[in-house]
Amino acid sequence: MRFRTRREISVKGVITFGAPCSGGFEGILPAGEILIVDQEPPDFAKGVYFVPAKYKDFELLFVPERDRADPVYSGYAVVCSFERIDSDLEMI
């Protein structure tokens, strides 16, 4: 599934590592950005992880350099609650 931001929105994200740890960040996504659902959330989830279509561009903006440089860094995702999806995103 793909979604587009209706307006500029503040987001939180999760940073993943190839180790038993994770990190996070906060940022602003501009209106019109495309977000892709990478994996269907489980039934009990309160939200979903998205991967921005401009993954590399946002990685440089959102993920701290110290995390990107970590040898066990494996990526990031943007987190959005189902309520925010209804109000701030449109399915495309």
C-alpha atoms as a PDB file:
ATOM      1  CA  MET A   1       0.000   0.000   0.000  1.00  0.00           C
ATOM      2  CA  ARG A   2       1.122   3.530  -0.765  1.00  0.00           C
ATOM      3  CA  PHE A   3       0.022   6.776   0.880  1.00  0.00           C
ATOM      4  CA  ARG A   4       0.687  10.473   0.276  1.00  0.00           C
ATOM      5  CA  THR A   5       0.900  13.099   3.010  1.00  0.00           C
ATOM      6  CA  ARG A   6      -1.993  15.579   2.744  1.00  0.00           C
ATOM      7  CA  ARG A   7      -0.051  18.293   4.602  1.00  0.00           C
ATOM      8  CA  GLU A   8       3.263  18.745   6.361  1.00  0.00           C
ATOM      9  CA  ILE A   9       3.273  16.311   9.304  1.00  0.00           C
ATOM     10  CA  SER A  10       5.543  15.663  12.244  1.00  0.00           C
ATOM     11  CA  VAL A  11       6.649  12.046  12.474  1.00  0.00           C
ATOM     12  CA  LYS A  12       8.590   9.753  14.719  1.00  0.00           C
ATOM     13  CA  GLY A  13      10.744   7.002  13.412  1.00  0.00           C
ATOM     14  CA  VAL A  14      12.518   3.893  14.490  1.00  0.00           C
ATOM     15  CA  ILE A  15      16.125   3.063  13.665  1.00  0.00           C
ATOM     16  CA  THR A  16      16.978  -0.605  13.332  1.00  0.00           C
ATOM     17  CA  PHE A  17      20.266  -2.323  13.913  1.00  0.00           C
ATOM     18  CA  GLY A  18      21.468  -5.827  13.202  1.00  0.00           C
ATOM     19  CA  ALA A  19      21.691  -6.293  16.972  1.00  0.00           C
ATOM     20  CA  PRO A  20      19.239  -6.362  19.901  1.00  0.00           C
ATOM     21  CA  CYS A  21      18.846  -2.577  20.109  1.00  0.00           C
ATOM     22  CA  SER A  22      17.081   0.255  18.338  1.00  0.00           C
ATOM     23  CA  GLY A  23      16.948   4.022  18.286  1.00  0.00           C
ATOM     24  CA  GLY A  24      14.596   6.720  17.151  1.00  0.00           C
ATOM     25  CA  PHE A  25      14.173  10.206  15.722  1.00  0.00           C
ATOM     26  CA  GLU A  26      11.618  12.921  15.103  1.00  0.00           C
ATOM     27  CA  GLY A  27      11.205  14.899  11.903  1.00  0.00           C
ATOM     28  CA  ILE A  28       8.833  16.715   9.573  1.00  0.00           C
ATOM     29  CA  LEU A  29       7.598  15.188   6.321  1.00  0.00           C
ATOM     30  CA  PRO A  30       6.500  17.726   3.713  1.00  0.00           C
ATOM     31  CA  ALA A  31       3.078  17.595   2.078  1.00  0.00           C
ATOM     32  CA  GLY A  32       2.964  15.311  -0.947  1.00  0.00           C
ATOM     33  CA  GLU A  33       5.541  12.779   0.240  1.00  0.00           C
ATOM     34  CA  ILE A  34       4.892   9.142  -0.673  1.00  0.00           C
ATOM     35  CA  LEU A  35       5.019   6.548   2.119  1.00  0.00           C
ATOM     36  CA  ILE A  36       5.010   2.798   1.509  1.00  0.00           C
ATOM     37  CA  VAL A  37       3.740   0.157   3.927  1.00  0.00           C
ATOM     38  CA  ASP A  38       6.680  -2.234   4.045  1.00  0.00           C
ATOM     39  CA  GLN A  39       4.917  -4.931   6.107  1.00  0.00           C
ATOM     40  CA  GLU A  40       1.294  -5.383   7.102  1.00  0.00           C
ATOM     41  CA  PRO A  41       0.938  -4.639  10.821  1.00  0.00           C
ATOM     42  CA  PRO A  42      -0.283  -7.371  13.170  1.00  0.00           C
ATOM     43  CA  ASP A  43      -3.947  -7.311  14.277  1.00  0.00           C
ATOM     44  CA  PHE A  44      -3.094  -5.834  17.689  1.00  0.00           C
ATOM     45  CA  ALA A  45      -1.049  -2.909  16.253  1.00  0.00           C
ATOM     46  CA  LYS A  46      -1.988   0.714  16.943  1.00  0.00           C
ATOM     47  CA  GLY A  47      -0.152   1.968  13.870  1.00  0.00           C
ATOM     48  CA  VAL A  48       2.115   1.064  11.008  1.00  0.00           C
ATOM     49  CA  TYR A  49       5.728   1.458   9.875  1.00  0.00           C
ATOM     50  CA  PHE A  50       6.210   3.256   6.568  1.00  0.00           C
ATOM     51  CA  VAL A  51       9.237   3.511   4.308  1.00  0.00           C
ATOM     52  CA  PRO A  52       9.423   6.852   2.456  1.00  0.00           C
ATOM     53  CA  ALA A  53       9.668   6.575  -1.343  1.00  0.00           C
ATOM     54  CA  LYS A  54      12.634   8.987  -1.055  1.00  0.00           C
ATOM     55  CA  TYR A  55      14.274   6.637   1.454  1.00  0.00           C
ATOM     56  CA  LYS A  56      17.901   7.742   0.988  1.00  0.00           C
ATOM     57  CA  ASP A  57      17.042  11.464   0.997  1.00  0.00           C
ATOM     58  CA  PHE A  58      15.138  11.230   4.275  1.00  0.00           C
ATOM     59  CA  GLU A  59      17.727   8.902   5.783  1.00  0.00           C
ATOM     60  CA  LEU A  60      20.286  11.707   5.526  1.00  0.00           C
ATOM     61  CA  LEU A  61      17.847  14.201   7.073  1.00  0.00           C
ATOM     62  CA  PHE A  62      16.354  12.075   9.863  1.00  0.00           C
ATOM     63  CA  VAL A  63      18.816   9.403  10.973  1.00  0.00           C
ATOM     64  CA  PRO A  64      21.717  10.799  13.017  1.00  0.00           C
ATOM     65  CA  GLU A  65      25.106  10.314  11.371  1.00  0.00           C
ATOM     66  CA  ARG A  66      26.432   8.367  14.384  1.00  0.00           C
ATOM     67  CA  ASP A  67      23.645   5.802  13.839  1.00  0.00           C
ATOM     68  CA  ARG A  68      24.139   5.585  10.056  1.00  0.00           C
ATOM     69  CA  ALA A  69      27.875   5.058  10.623  1.00  0.00           C
ATOM     70  CA  ASP A  70      27.331   2.259  13.157  1.00  0.00           C
ATOM     71  CA  PRO A  71      28.449  -1.055  11.619  1.00  0.00           C
ATOM     72  CA  VAL A  72      25.247  -2.777  12.785  1.00  0.00           C
ATOM     73  CA  TYR A  73      22.885  -0.062  11.434  1.00  0.00           C
ATOM     74  CA  SER A  74      20.334  -1.716   9.162  1.00  0.00           C
ATOM     75  CA  GLY A  75      17.796   1.007   8.307  1.00  0.00           C
ATOM     76  CA  TYR A  76      14.861   3.070   9.512  1.00  0.00           C
ATOM     77  CA  ALA A  77      11.095   3.448   9.188  1.00  0.00           C
ATOM     78  CA  VAL A  78       8.555   6.196   9.872  1.00  0.00           C
ATOM     79  CA  VAL A  79       5.921   5.346  12.469  1.00  0.00           C
ATOM     80  CA  CYS A  80       2.313   6.518  12.147  1.00  0.00           C
ATOM     81  CA  SER A  81      -0.780   5.729  14.231  1.00  0.00           C
ATOM     82  CA  PHE A  82      -3.936   4.593  12.456  1.00  0.00           C
ATOM     83  CA  GLU A  83      -5.666   7.815  13.589  1.00  0.00           C
ATOM     84  CA  ARG A  84      -2.976   9.929  11.910  1.00  0.00           C
ATOM     85  CA  ILE A  85      -3.299   7.878   8.738  1.00  0.00           C
ATOM     86  CA  ASP A  86      -6.990   8.765   8.541  1.00  0.00           C
ATOM     87  CA  SER A  87      -6.400  12.490   9.056  1.00  0.00           C
ATOM     88  CA  ASP A  88      -3.000  13.172   7.489  1.00  0.00           C
ATOM     89  CA  LEU A  89      -2.543  10.655   4.662  1.00  0.00           C
ATOM     90  CA  GLU A  90      -4.422   9.605   1.546  1.00  0.00           C
ATOM     91  CA  MET A  91      -4.154   6.200  -0.088  1.00  0.00           C
ATOM     92  CA  ILE A  92      -2.851   6.328  -3.660  1.00  0.00           C
END
